[in-house]
Amino acid sequence: MHGAIIASFGTHMAALDDTRSAYLLKAFARIKQRVIWRHSGELPFKPSDNVRVMKWAPQNDVLNHKNTKIFLTHGGRASVYETVFAGVPTIGFPLEY
Protein backbone atom coordinates (compact mmCIF):
# COMPACT_ATOMS: atom_id res chain seq x y z
CA MET A 1 0.00 0.00 0.00
CA HIS A 2 1.23 3.47 -0.90
CA GLY A 3 -0.66 5.24 1.85
CA ALA A 4 -3.05 8.13 1.72
CA ILE A 5 -2.92 11.88 1.32
CA ILE A 6 -5.49 14.19 2.84
CA ALA A 7 -6.20 17.53 1.17
CA SER A 8 -8.28 20.17 2.89
CA PHE A 9 -8.27 23.84 2.11
CA GLY A 10 -11.08 24.93 4.40
CA THR A 11 -13.77 27.16 3.00
CA HIS A 12 -11.25 28.71 0.60
CA MET A 13 -11.36 25.77 -1.79
CA ALA A 14 -14.98 26.30 -2.74
CA ALA A 15 -13.94 29.69 -4.10
CA LEU A 16 -11.28 28.25 -6.42
CA ASP A 17 -12.07 28.35 -10.09
CA ASP A 18 -12.38 25.30 -12.34
CA THR A 19 -8.84 25.74 -13.67
CA ARG A 20 -7.23 25.39 -10.24
CA SER A 21 -9.48 22.48 -9.32
CA ALA A 22 -8.62 20.81 -12.63
CA TYR A 23 -4.88 21.15 -11.95
CA LEU A 24 -5.29 19.48 -8.57
CA LEU A 25 -7.42 16.66 -10.00
CA LYS A 26 -4.85 16.02 -12.75
CA ALA A 27 -2.00 15.98 -10.22
CA PHE A 28 -3.87 13.62 -7.89
CA ALA A 29 -4.53 11.24 -10.80
CA ARG A 30 -0.78 10.88 -11.42
CA ILE A 31 0.18 9.63 -7.96
CA LYS A 32 -0.02 6.16 -6.45
CA GLN A 33 -1.48 7.23 -3.12
CA ARG A 34 -5.16 7.43 -2.38
CA VAL A 35 -6.35 10.99 -1.89
CA ILE A 36 -9.08 12.14 0.45
CA TRP A 37 -10.03 15.61 -0.70
CA ARG A 38 -12.35 17.65 1.48
CA HIS A 39 -14.11 19.85 -1.06
CA SER A 40 -17.63 21.23 -1.12
CA GLY A 41 -17.66 22.98 -4.49
CA GLU A 42 -18.32 21.72 -7.99
CA LEU A 43 -15.58 19.92 -9.88
CA PRO A 44 -14.74 20.48 -13.57
CA PHE A 45 -14.62 16.72 -14.25
CA LYS A 46 -14.91 13.34 -12.52
CA PRO A 47 -11.94 12.51 -10.25
CA SER A 48 -9.74 9.49 -10.92
CA ASP A 49 -10.32 6.25 -9.02
CA ASN A 50 -7.69 7.05 -6.38
CA VAL A 51 -9.46 10.26 -5.32
CA ARG A 52 -12.37 10.41 -2.92
CA VAL A 53 -14.02 13.82 -2.71
CA MET A 54 -15.98 14.47 0.47
CA LYS A 55 -17.90 17.51 1.68
CA TRP A 56 -16.80 16.66 5.21
CA ALA A 57 -14.12 14.32 6.50
CA PRO A 58 -13.03 13.39 10.04
CA GLN A 59 -9.77 15.26 9.48
CA ASN A 60 -8.25 14.59 12.91
CA ASP A 61 -8.96 10.86 12.63
CA VAL A 62 -7.49 10.66 9.12
CA LEU A 63 -4.39 12.62 10.15
CA ASN A 64 -3.80 10.19 13.00
CA HIS A 65 -4.20 7.09 10.82
CA LYS A 66 -0.97 5.13 10.33
CA ASN A 67 -1.29 5.16 6.51
CA THR A 68 -1.60 8.94 6.15
CA LYS A 69 1.60 10.14 4.48
CA ILE A 70 1.05 13.86 3.93
CA PHE A 71 -1.44 16.67 4.45
CA LEU A 72 -2.15 19.38 1.86
CA THR A 73 -3.65 22.43 3.56
CA HIS A 74 -4.18 26.17 3.38
CA GLY A 75 -2.70 26.40 6.88
CA GLY A 76 -5.72 27.24 8.98
CA ARG A 77 -5.11 27.35 12.72
CA ALA A 78 -7.07 24.17 13.57
CA SER A 79 -5.41 22.25 10.74
CA VAL A 80 -1.96 23.31 11.90
CA TYR A 81 -2.65 22.19 15.47
CA GLU A 82 -4.07 18.83 14.34
CA THR A 83 -1.13 18.23 11.98
CA VAL A 84 1.49 19.03 14.61
CA PHE A 85 -0.21 16.71 17.08
CA ALA A 86 -0.42 13.90 14.49
CA GLY A 87 3.15 14.43 13.28
CA VAL A 88 2.16 14.27 9.61
CA PRO A 89 4.31 16.11 7.04
CA THR A 90 2.47 19.07 5.56
CA ILE A 91 2.52 21.06 2.33
CA GLY A 92 0.96 24.47 2.72
CA PHE A 93 -0.87 26.25 -0.07
CA PRO A 94 -1.21 29.99 0.46
CA LEU A 95 -4.57 30.71 -1.13
CA GLU A 96 -5.89 34.10 -2.05
CA TYR A 97 -9.53 34.81 -1.56
PDB file of N, CA and C in Angstrom:
ATOM      1  N   MET A   1       0.842  -1.192   0.000  1.00  0.00           N
ATOM      2  CA  MET A   1       0.000   0.000   0.000  1.00  0.00           C
ATOM      3  C   MET A   1       0.881   1.246   0.000  1.00  0.00           C
ATOM      4  N   HIS A   2       0.464   2.236  -0.752  1.00  0.00           N
ATOM      5  CA  HIS A   2       1.230   3.466  -0.898  1.00  0.00           C
ATOM      6  C   HIS A   2       0.796   4.541   0.079  1.00  0.00           C
ATOM      7  N   GLY A   3      -0.207   4.262   0.876  1.00  0.00           N
ATOM      8  CA  GLY A   3      -0.663   5.242   1.846  1.00  0.00           C
ATOM      9  C   GLY A   3      -1.697   6.186   1.285  1.00  0.00           C
ATOM     10  N   ALA A   4      -2.003   7.173   2.087  1.00  0.00           N
ATOM     11  CA  ALA A   4      -3.046   8.133   1.715  1.00  0.00           C
ATOM     12  C   ALA A   4      -2.565   9.554   1.945  1.00  0.00           C
ATOM     13  N   ILE A   5      -3.152  10.440   1.192  1.00  0.00           N
ATOM     14  CA  ILE A   5      -2.921  11.878   1.320  1.00  0.00           C
ATOM     15  C   ILE A   5      -4.262  12.506   1.641  1.00  0.00           C
ATOM     16  N   ILE A   6      -4.267  13.439   2.573  1.00  0.00           N
ATOM     17  CA  ILE A   6      -5.488  14.194   2.839  1.00  0.00           C
ATOM     18  C   ILE A   6      -5.260  15.626   2.360  1.00  0.00           C
ATOM     19  N   ALA A   7      -6.251  16.156   1.670  1.00  0.00           N
ATOM     20  CA  ALA A   7      -6.197  17.527   1.173  1.00  0.00           C
ATOM     21  C   ALA A   7      -7.422  18.264   1.691  1.00  0.00           C
ATOM     22  N   SER A   8      -7.178  19.369   2.362  1.00  0.00           N
ATOM     23  CA  SER A   8      -8.281  20.165   2.887  1.00  0.00           C
ATOM     24  C   SER A   8      -7.847  21.620   2.894  1.00  0.00           C
ATOM     25  N   PHE A   9      -8.609  22.434   2.214  1.00  0.00           N
ATOM     26  CA  PHE A   9      -8.269  23.844   2.110  1.00  0.00           C
ATOM     27  C   PHE A   9      -9.319  24.725   2.762  1.00  0.00           C
ATOM     28  N   GLY A  10     -10.061  24.163   3.687  1.00  0.00           N
ATOM     29  CA  GLY A  10     -11.077  24.927   4.403  1.00  0.00           C
ATOM     30  C   GLY A  10     -12.137  25.463   3.465  1.00  0.00           C
ATOM     31  N   THR A  11     -12.728  26.551   3.828  1.00  0.00           N
ATOM     32  CA  THR A  11     -13.774  27.161   3.003  1.00  0.00           C
ATOM     33  C   THR A  11     -13.196  27.856   1.780  1.00  0.00           C
ATOM     34  N   HIS A  12     -11.876  28.024   1.733  1.00  0.00           N
ATOM     35  CA  HIS A  12     -11.250  28.712   0.605  1.00  0.00           C
ATOM     36  C   HIS A  12     -11.361  27.914  -0.690  1.00  0.00           C
ATOM     37  N   MET A  13     -11.363  26.603  -0.590  1.00  0.00           N
ATOM     38  CA  MET A  13     -11.356  25.774  -1.789  1.00  0.00           C
ATOM     39  C   MET A  13     -12.618  25.937  -2.618  1.00  0.00           C
ATOM     40  N   ALA A  14     -13.745  26.137  -1.981  1.00  0.00           N
ATOM     41  CA  ALA A  14     -14.985  26.296  -2.737  1.00  0.00           C
ATOM     42  C   ALA A  14     -14.916  27.519  -3.657  1.00  0.00           C
ATOM     43  N   ALA A  15     -14.059  28.481  -3.300  1.00  0.00           N
ATOM     44  CA  ALA A  15     -13.938  29.690  -4.100  1.00  0.00           C
ATOM     45  C   ALA A  15     -12.959  29.538  -5.272  1.00  0.00           C
ATOM     46  N   LEU A  16     -12.232  28.434  -5.327  1.00  0.00           N
ATOM     47  CA  LEU A  16     -11.281  28.249  -6.419  1.00  0.00           C
ATOM     48  C   LEU A  16     -12.016  28.014  -7.732  1.00  0.00           C
ATOM     49  N   ASP A  17     -11.441  28.515  -8.787  1.00  0.00           N
ATOM     50  CA  ASP A  17     -12.067  28.348 -10.088  1.00  0.00           C
ATOM     51  C   ASP A  17     -11.819  26.946 -10.634  1.00  0.00           C
ATOM     52  N   ASP A  18     -12.491  26.619 -11.733  1.00  0.00           N
ATOM     53  CA  ASP A  18     -12.375  25.301 -12.345  1.00  0.00           C
ATOM     54  C   ASP A  18     -10.951  24.982 -12.779  1.00  0.00           C
ATOM     55  N   THR A  19     -10.198  25.985 -13.206  1.00  0.00           N
ATOM     56  CA  THR A  19      -8.835  25.744 -13.667  1.00  0.00           C
ATOM     57  C   THR A  19      -7.969  25.215 -12.539  1.00  0.00           C
ATOM     58  N   ARG A  20      -8.034  25.847 -11.381  1.00  0.00           N
ATOM     59  CA  ARG A  20      -7.230  25.394 -10.244  1.00  0.00           C
ATOM     60  C   ARG A  20      -7.677  24.018  -9.757  1.00  0.00           C
ATOM     61  N   SER A  21      -8.973  23.798  -9.717  1.00  0.00           N
ATOM     62  CA  SER A  21      -9.478  22.478  -9.324  1.00  0.00           C
ATOM     63  C   SER A  21      -9.032  21.414 -10.321  1.00  0.00           C
ATOM     64  N   ALA A  22      -9.040  21.748 -11.592  1.00  0.00           N
ATOM     65  CA  ALA A  22      -8.623  20.808 -12.628  1.00  0.00           C
ATOM     66  C   ALA A  22      -7.149  20.449 -12.473  1.00  0.00           C
ATOM     67  N   TYR A  23      -6.302  21.431 -12.165  1.00  0.00           N
ATOM     68  CA  TYR A  23      -4.881  21.150 -11.951  1.00  0.00           C
ATOM     69  C   TYR A  23      -4.684  20.176 -10.795  1.00  0.00           C
ATOM     70  N   LEU A  24      -5.405  20.390  -9.712  1.00  0.00           N
ATOM     71  CA  LEU A  24      -5.293  19.484  -8.567  1.00  0.00           C
ATOM     72  C   LEU A  24      -5.765  18.084  -8.933  1.00  0.00           C
ATOM     73  N   LEU A  25      -6.910  17.975  -9.605  1.00  0.00           N
ATOM     74  CA  LEU A  25      -7.421  16.663 -10.004  1.00  0.00           C
ATOM     75  C   LEU A  25      -6.429  15.923 -10.909  1.00  0.00           C
ATOM     76  N   LYS A  26      -5.829  16.637 -11.844  1.00  0.00           N
ATOM     77  CA  LYS A  26      -4.853  16.019 -12.748  1.00  0.00           C
ATOM     78  C   LYS A  26      -3.608  15.567 -11.978  1.00  0.00           C
ATOM     79  N   ALA A  27      -3.166  16.360 -11.028  1.00  0.00           N
ATOM     80  CA  ALA A  27      -1.999  15.980 -10.222  1.00  0.00           C
ATOM     81  C   ALA A  27      -2.315  14.768  -9.358  1.00  0.00           C
ATOM     82  N   PHE A  28      -3.479  14.760  -8.732  1.00  0.00           N
ATOM     83  CA  PHE A  28      -3.871  13.624  -7.891  1.00  0.00           C
ATOM     84  C   PHE A  28      -3.954  12.331  -8.711  1.00  0.00           C
ATOM     85  N   ALA A  29      -4.388  12.425  -9.953  1.00  0.00           N
ATOM     86  CA  ALA A  29      -4.531  11.241 -10.804  1.00  0.00           C
ATOM     87  C   ALA A  29      -3.181  10.612 -11.147  1.00  0.00           C
ATOM     88  N   ARG A  30      -2.109  11.368 -11.035  1.00  0.00           N
ATOM     89  CA  ARG A  30      -0.780  10.882 -11.422  1.00  0.00           C
ATOM     90  C   ARG A  30      -0.013  10.205 -10.293  1.00  0.00           C
ATOM     91  N   ILE A  31      -0.553  10.212  -9.084  1.00  0.00           N
ATOM     92  CA  ILE A  31       0.183   9.633  -7.961  1.00  0.00           C
ATOM     93  C   ILE A  31      -0.400   8.282  -7.562  1.00  0.00           C
ATOM     94  N   LYS A  32       0.390   7.500  -6.849  1.00  0.00           N
ATOM     95  CA  LYS A  32      -0.022   6.161  -6.451  1.00  0.00           C
ATOM     96  C   LYS A  32      -0.877   6.155  -5.190  1.00  0.00           C
ATOM     97  N   GLN A  33      -0.754   7.172  -4.378  1.00  0.00           N
ATOM     98  CA  GLN A  33      -1.484   7.229  -3.120  1.00  0.00           C
ATOM     99  C   GLN A  33      -2.968   7.497  -3.351  1.00  0.00           C
ATOM    100  N   ARG A  34      -3.758   7.046  -2.384  1.00  0.00           N
ATOM    101  CA  ARG A  34      -5.162   7.426  -2.380  1.00  0.00           C
ATOM    102  C   ARG A  34      -5.250   8.835  -1.813  1.00  0.00           C
ATOM    103  N   VAL A  35      -6.190   9.610  -2.326  1.00  0.00           N
ATOM    104  CA  VAL A  35      -6.349  10.991  -1.891  1.00  0.00           C
ATOM    105  C   VAL A  35      -7.746  11.176  -1.327  1.00  0.00           C
ATOM    106  N   ILE A  36      -7.809  11.723  -0.134  1.00  0.00           N
ATOM    107  CA  ILE A  36      -9.081  12.136   0.454  1.00  0.00           C
ATOM    108  C   ILE A  36      -9.088  13.653   0.359  1.00  0.00           C
ATOM    109  N   TRP A  37      -9.988  14.167  -0.469  1.00  0.00           N
ATOM    110  CA  TRP A  37     -10.033  15.606  -0.704  1.00  0.00           C
ATOM    111  C   TRP A  37     -11.320  16.164  -0.129  1.00  0.00           C
ATOM    112  N   ARG A  38     -11.189  16.984   0.889  1.00  0.00           N
ATOM    113  CA  ARG A  38     -12.354  17.647   1.478  1.00  0.00           C
ATOM    114  C   ARG A  38     -12.646  18.884   0.631  1.00  0.00           C
ATOM    115  N   HIS A  39     -13.761  18.799  -0.100  1.00  0.00           N
ATOM    116  CA  HIS A  39     -14.106  19.851  -1.062  1.00  0.00           C
ATOM    117  C   HIS A  39     -15.621  19.922  -1.204  1.00  0.00           C
ATOM    118  N   SER A  40     -16.169  21.103  -1.072  1.00  0.00           N
ATOM    119  CA  SER A  40     -17.626  21.232  -1.121  1.00  0.00           C
ATOM    120  C   SER A  40     -18.134  21.881  -2.403  1.00  0.00           C
ATOM    121  N   GLY A  41     -17.233  22.323  -3.258  1.00  0.00           N
ATOM    122  CA  GLY A  41     -17.662  22.976  -4.489  1.00  0.00           C
ATOM    123  C   GLY A  41     -17.864  21.994  -5.630  1.00  0.00           C
ATOM    124  N   GLU A  42     -18.161  22.529  -6.787  1.00  0.00           N
ATOM    125  CA  GLU A  42     -18.315  21.716  -7.990  1.00  0.00           C
ATOM    126  C   GLU A  42     -16.941  21.426  -8.579  1.00  0.00           C
ATOM    127  N   LEU A  43     -16.827  20.291  -9.238  1.00  0.00           N
ATOM    128  CA  LEU A  43     -15.578  19.920  -9.884  1.00  0.00           C
ATOM    129  C   LEU A  43     -15.735  19.994 -11.396  1.00  0.00           C
ATOM    130  N   PRO A  44     -14.646  20.350 -12.113  1.00  0.00           N
ATOM    131  CA  PRO A  44     -14.745  20.481 -13.570  1.00  0.00           C
ATOM    132  C   PRO A  44     -14.888  19.144 -14.296  1.00  0.00           C
ATOM    133  N   PHE A  45     -14.460  18.040 -13.669  1.00  0.00           N
ATOM    134  CA  PHE A  45     -14.624  16.717 -14.246  1.00  0.00           C
ATOM    135  C   PHE A  45     -14.528  15.674 -13.141  1.00  0.00           C
ATOM    136  N   LYS A  46     -14.885  14.441 -13.489  1.00  0.00           N
ATOM    137  CA  LYS A  46     -14.907  13.341 -12.518  1.00  0.00           C
ATOM    138  C   LYS A  46     -13.482  13.016 -12.056  1.00  0.00           C
ATOM    139  N   PRO A  47     -13.279  12.860 -10.746  1.00  0.00           N
ATOM    140  CA  PRO A  47     -11.944  12.508 -10.246  1.00  0.00           C
ATOM    141  C   PRO A  47     -11.539  11.095 -10.643  1.00  0.00           C
ATOM    142  N   SER A  48     -10.246  10.826 -10.630  1.00  0.00           N
ATOM    143  CA  SER A  48      -9.742   9.488 -10.918  1.00  0.00           C
ATOM    144  C   SER A  48     -10.116   8.541  -9.778  1.00  0.00           C
ATOM    145  N   ASP A  49      -9.902   7.272  -9.983  1.00  0.00           N
ATOM    146  CA  ASP A  49     -10.318   6.250  -9.019  1.00  0.00           C
ATOM    147  C   ASP A  49      -9.596   6.340  -7.680  1.00  0.00           C
ATOM    148  N   ASN A  50      -8.421   6.949  -7.636  1.00  0.00           N
ATOM    149  CA  ASN A  50      -7.691   7.048  -6.378  1.00  0.00           C
ATOM    150  C   ASN A  50      -8.090   8.261  -5.530  1.00  0.00           C
ATOM    151  N   VAL A  51      -9.044   9.044  -6.024  1.00  0.00           N
ATOM    152  CA  VAL A  51      -9.458  10.265  -5.323  1.00  0.00           C
ATOM    153  C   VAL A  51     -10.883  10.119  -4.798  1.00  0.00           C
ATOM    154  N   ARG A  52     -11.038  10.392  -3.528  1.00  0.00           N
ATOM    155  CA  ARG A  52     -12.367  10.414  -2.923  1.00  0.00           C
ATOM    156  C   ARG A  52     -12.643  11.845  -2.454  1.00  0.00           C
ATOM    157  N   VAL A  53     -13.643  12.453  -3.051  1.00  0.00           N
ATOM    158  CA  VAL A  53     -14.018  13.823  -2.709  1.00  0.00           C
ATOM    159  C   VAL A  53     -15.161  13.765  -1.709  1.00  0.00           C
ATOM    160  N   MET A  54     -14.987  14.479  -0.596  1.00  0.00           N
ATOM    161  CA  MET A  54     -15.985  14.469   0.470  1.00  0.00           C
ATOM    162  C   MET A  54     -16.274  15.900   0.905  1.00  0.00           C
ATOM    163  N   LYS A  55     -17.551  16.178   1.181  1.00  0.00           N
ATOM    164  CA  LYS A  55     -17.905  17.508   1.683  1.00  0.00           C
ATOM    165  C   LYS A  55     -17.417  17.712   3.109  1.00  0.00           C
ATOM    166  N   TRP A  56     -17.319  16.614   3.845  1.00  0.00           N
ATOM    167  CA  TRP A  56     -16.797  16.655   5.208  1.00  0.00           C
ATOM    168  C   TRP A  56     -16.011  15.385   5.444  1.00  0.00           C
ATOM    169  N   ALA A  57     -14.931  15.490   6.164  1.00  0.00           N
ATOM    170  CA  ALA A  57     -14.124  14.316   6.504  1.00  0.00           C
ATOM    171  C   ALA A  57     -13.671  14.446   7.952  1.00  0.00           C
ATOM    172  N   PRO A  58     -13.533  13.336   8.659  1.00  0.00           N
ATOM    173  CA  PRO A  58     -13.026  13.386  10.036  1.00  0.00           C
ATOM    174  C   PRO A  58     -11.514  13.645   9.999  1.00  0.00           C
ATOM    175  N   GLN A  59     -11.161  14.890   9.751  1.00  0.00           N
ATOM    176  CA  GLN A  59      -9.773  15.261   9.484  1.00  0.00           C
ATOM    177  C   GLN A  59      -8.812  14.778  10.573  1.00  0.00           C
ATOM    178  N   ASN A  60      -9.140  14.988  11.822  1.00  0.00           N
ATOM    179  CA  ASN A  60      -8.249  14.588  12.906  1.00  0.00           C
ATOM    180  C   ASN A  60      -8.028  13.075  12.910  1.00  0.00           C
ATOM    181  N   ASP A  61      -9.093  12.319  12.679  1.00  0.00           N
ATOM    182  CA  ASP A  61      -8.962  10.857  12.625  1.00  0.00           C
ATOM    183  C   ASP A  61      -8.087  10.419  11.458  1.00  0.00           C
ATOM    184  N   VAL A  62      -8.284  11.027  10.296  1.00  0.00           N
ATOM    185  CA  VAL A  62      -7.494  10.661   9.117  1.00  0.00           C
ATOM    186  C   VAL A  62      -6.029  11.039   9.328  1.00  0.00           C
ATOM    187  N   LEU A  63      -5.775  12.210   9.899  1.00  0.00           N
ATOM    188  CA  LEU A  63      -4.393  12.623  10.147  1.00  0.00           C
ATOM    189  C   LEU A  63      -3.673  11.671  11.097  1.00  0.00           C
ATOM    190  N   ASN A  64      -4.407  11.097  12.028  1.00  0.00           N
ATOM    191  CA  ASN A  64      -3.801  10.193  13.000  1.00  0.00           C
ATOM    192  C   ASN A  64      -3.772   8.738  12.546  1.00  0.00           C
ATOM    193  N   HIS A  65      -4.233   8.459  11.339  1.00  0.00           N
ATOM    194  CA  HIS A  65      -4.196   7.091  10.817  1.00  0.00           C
ATOM    195  C   HIS A  65      -2.770   6.759  10.380  1.00  0.00           C
ATOM    196  N   LYS A  66      -2.349   5.538  10.615  1.00  0.00           N
ATOM    197  CA  LYS A  66      -0.969   5.125  10.330  1.00  0.00           C
ATOM    198  C   LYS A  66      -0.598   5.185   8.849  1.00  0.00           C
ATOM    199  N   ASN A  67      -1.579   5.142   7.947  1.00  0.00           N
ATOM    200  CA  ASN A  67      -1.288   5.156   6.513  1.00  0.00           C
ATOM    201  C   ASN A  67      -1.294   6.552   5.896  1.00  0.00           C
ATOM    202  N   THR A  68      -1.604   7.576   6.675  1.00  0.00           N
ATOM    203  CA  THR A  68      -1.596   8.939   6.148  1.00  0.00           C
ATOM    204  C   THR A  68      -0.155   9.402   6.001  1.00  0.00           C
ATOM    205  N   LYS A  69       0.213   9.777   4.794  1.00  0.00           N
ATOM    206  CA  LYS A  69       1.597  10.141   4.481  1.00  0.00           C
ATOM    207  C   LYS A  69       1.847  11.640   4.477  1.00  0.00           C
ATOM    208  N   ILE A  70       0.844  12.416   4.046  1.00  0.00           N
ATOM    209  CA  ILE A  70       1.046  13.859   3.932  1.00  0.00           C
ATOM    210  C   ILE A  70      -0.288  14.584   3.969  1.00  0.00           C
ATOM    211  N   PHE A  71      -0.247  15.835   4.355  1.00  0.00           N
ATOM    212  CA  PHE A  71      -1.443  16.670   4.448  1.00  0.00           C
ATOM    213  C   PHE A  71      -1.236  17.916   3.600  1.00  0.00           C
ATOM    214  N   LEU A  72      -2.159  18.166   2.682  1.00  0.00           N
ATOM    215  CA  LEU A  72      -2.154  19.380   1.862  1.00  0.00           C
ATOM    216  C   LEU A  72      -3.181  20.326   2.464  1.00  0.00           C
ATOM    217  N   THR A  73      -2.764  21.525   2.827  1.00  0.00           N
ATOM    218  CA  THR A  73      -3.651  22.426   3.556  1.00  0.00           C
ATOM    219  C   THR A  73      -3.378  23.882   3.223  1.00  0.00           C
ATOM    220  N   HIS A  74      -4.355  24.728   3.522  1.00  0.00           N
ATOM    221  CA  HIS A  74      -4.181  26.171   3.377  1.00  0.00           C
ATOM    222  C   HIS A  74      -3.538  26.766   4.634  1.00  0.00           C
ATOM    223  N   GLY A  75      -3.392  25.957   5.676  1.00  0.00           N
ATOM    224  CA  GLY A  75      -2.697  26.404   6.883  1.00  0.00           C
ATOM    225  C   GLY A  75      -3.581  27.072   7.905  1.00  0.00           C
ATOM    226  N   GLY A  76      -4.840  26.694   7.958  1.00  0.00           N
ATOM    227  CA  GLY A  76      -5.723  27.242   8.982  1.00  0.00           C
ATOM    228  C   GLY A  76      -5.257  26.808  10.379  1.00  0.00           C
ATOM    229  N   ARG A  77      -5.595  27.592  11.371  1.00  0.00           N
ATOM    230  CA  ARG A  77      -5.110  27.349  12.722  1.00  0.00           C
ATOM    231  C   ARG A  77      -5.434  25.937  13.223  1.00  0.00           C
ATOM    232  N   ALA A  78      -6.678  25.497  13.090  1.00  0.00           N
ATOM    233  CA  ALA A  78      -7.069  24.170  13.573  1.00  0.00           C
ATOM    234  C   ALA A  78      -6.306  23.076  12.827  1.00  0.00           C
ATOM    235  N   SER A  79      -6.155  23.240  11.527  1.00  0.00           N
ATOM    236  CA  SER A  79      -5.414  22.248  10.736  1.00  0.00           C
ATOM    237  C   SER A  79      -3.955  22.165  11.168  1.00  0.00           C
ATOM    238  N   VAL A  80      -3.359  23.300  11.452  1.00  0.00           N
ATOM    239  CA  VAL A  80      -1.958  23.309  11.898  1.00  0.00           C
ATOM    240  C   VAL A  80      -1.828  22.582  13.232  1.00  0.00           C
ATOM    241  N   TYR A  81      -2.712  22.866  14.169  1.00  0.00           N
ATOM    242  CA  TYR A  81      -2.653  22.191  15.473  1.00  0.00           C
ATOM    243  C   TYR A  81      -2.821  20.678  15.321  1.00  0.00           C
ATOM    244  N   GLU A  82      -3.814  20.264  14.528  1.00  0.00           N
ATOM    245  CA  GLU A  82      -4.066  18.833  14.336  1.00  0.00           C
ATOM    246  C   GLU A  82      -2.883  18.146  13.665  1.00  0.00           C
ATOM    247  N   THR A  83      -2.262  18.816  12.695  1.00  0.00           N
ATOM    248  CA  THR A  83      -1.131  18.230  11.979  1.00  0.00           C
ATOM    249  C   THR A  83       0.085  18.088  12.885  1.00  0.00           C
ATOM    250  N   VAL A  84       0.354  19.103  13.681  1.00  0.00           N
ATOM    251  CA  VAL A  84       1.490  19.034  14.606  1.00  0.00           C
ATOM    252  C   VAL A  84       1.283  17.894  15.596  1.00  0.00           C
ATOM    253  N   PHE A  85       0.080  17.779  16.122  1.00  0.00           N
ATOM    254  CA  PHE A  85      -0.214  16.713  17.078  1.00  0.00           C
ATOM    255  C   PHE A  85      -0.040  15.335  16.435  1.00  0.00           C
ATOM    256  N   ALA A  86      -0.493  15.190  15.177  1.00  0.00           N
ATOM    257  CA  ALA A  86      -0.417  13.900  14.486  1.00  0.00           C
ATOM    258  C   ALA A  86       0.987  13.604  13.961  1.00  0.00           C
ATOM    259  N   GLY A  87       1.802  14.633  13.790  1.00  0.00           N
ATOM    260  CA  GLY A  87       3.150  14.428  13.279  1.00  0.00           C
ATOM    261  C   GLY A  87       3.200  14.071  11.806  1.00  0.00           C
ATOM    262  N   VAL A  88       2.228  14.568  11.044  1.00  0.00           N
ATOM    263  CA  VAL A  88       2.157  14.274   9.610  1.00  0.00           C
ATOM    264  C   VAL A  88       2.840  15.407   8.831  1.00  0.00           C
ATOM    265  N   PRO A  89       3.715  15.069   7.877  1.00  0.00           N
ATOM    266  CA  PRO A  89       4.313  16.113   7.040  1.00  0.00           C
ATOM    267  C   PRO A  89       3.225  16.901   6.312  1.00  0.00           C
ATOM    268  N   THR A  90       3.489  18.180   6.115  1.00  0.00           N
ATOM    269  CA  THR A  90       2.475  19.075   5.556  1.00  0.00           C
ATOM    270  C   THR A  90       3.048  19.893   4.403  1.00  0.00           C
ATOM    271  N   ILE A  91       2.209  20.099   3.395  1.00  0.00           N
ATOM    272  CA  ILE A  91       2.524  21.056   2.329  1.00  0.00           C
ATOM    273  C   ILE A  91       1.461  22.129   2.412  1.00  0.00           C
ATOM    274  N   GLY A  92       1.894  23.360   2.606  1.00  0.00           N
ATOM    275  CA  GLY A  92       0.965  24.474   2.725  1.00  0.00           C
ATOM    276  C   GLY A  92       0.761  25.180   1.393  1.00  0.00           C
ATOM    277  N   PHE A  93      -0.490  25.510   1.128  1.00  0.00           N
ATOM    278  CA  PHE A  93      -0.867  26.246  -0.073  1.00  0.00           C
ATOM    279  C   PHE A  93      -1.408  27.608   0.346  1.00  0.00           C
ATOM    280  N   PRO A  94      -0.666  28.669   0.149  1.00  0.00           N
ATOM    281  CA  PRO A  94      -1.209  29.987   0.458  1.00  0.00           C
ATOM    282  C   PRO A  94      -2.257  30.349  -0.599  1.00  0.00           C
ATOM    283  N   LEU A  95      -3.497  30.421  -0.188  1.00  0.00           N
ATOM    284  CA  LEU A  95      -4.574  30.712  -1.131  1.00  0.00           C
ATOM    285  C   LEU A  95      -5.064  32.128  -0.976  1.00  0.00           C
ATOM    286  N   GLU A  96      -5.288  32.775  -2.088  1.00  0.00           N
ATOM    287  CA  GLU A  96      -5.894  34.102  -2.054  1.00  0.00           C
ATOM    288  C   GLU A  96      -7.391  33.961  -2.126  1.00  0.00           C
ATOM    289  N   TYR A  97      -8.072  34.845  -1.508  1.00  0.00           N
ATOM    290  CA  TYR A  97      -9.532  34.813  -1.555  1.00  0.00           C
ATOM    291  C   TYR A  97     -10.095  36.195  -1.464  1.00  0.00           C
TER     292      TYR A  97
END
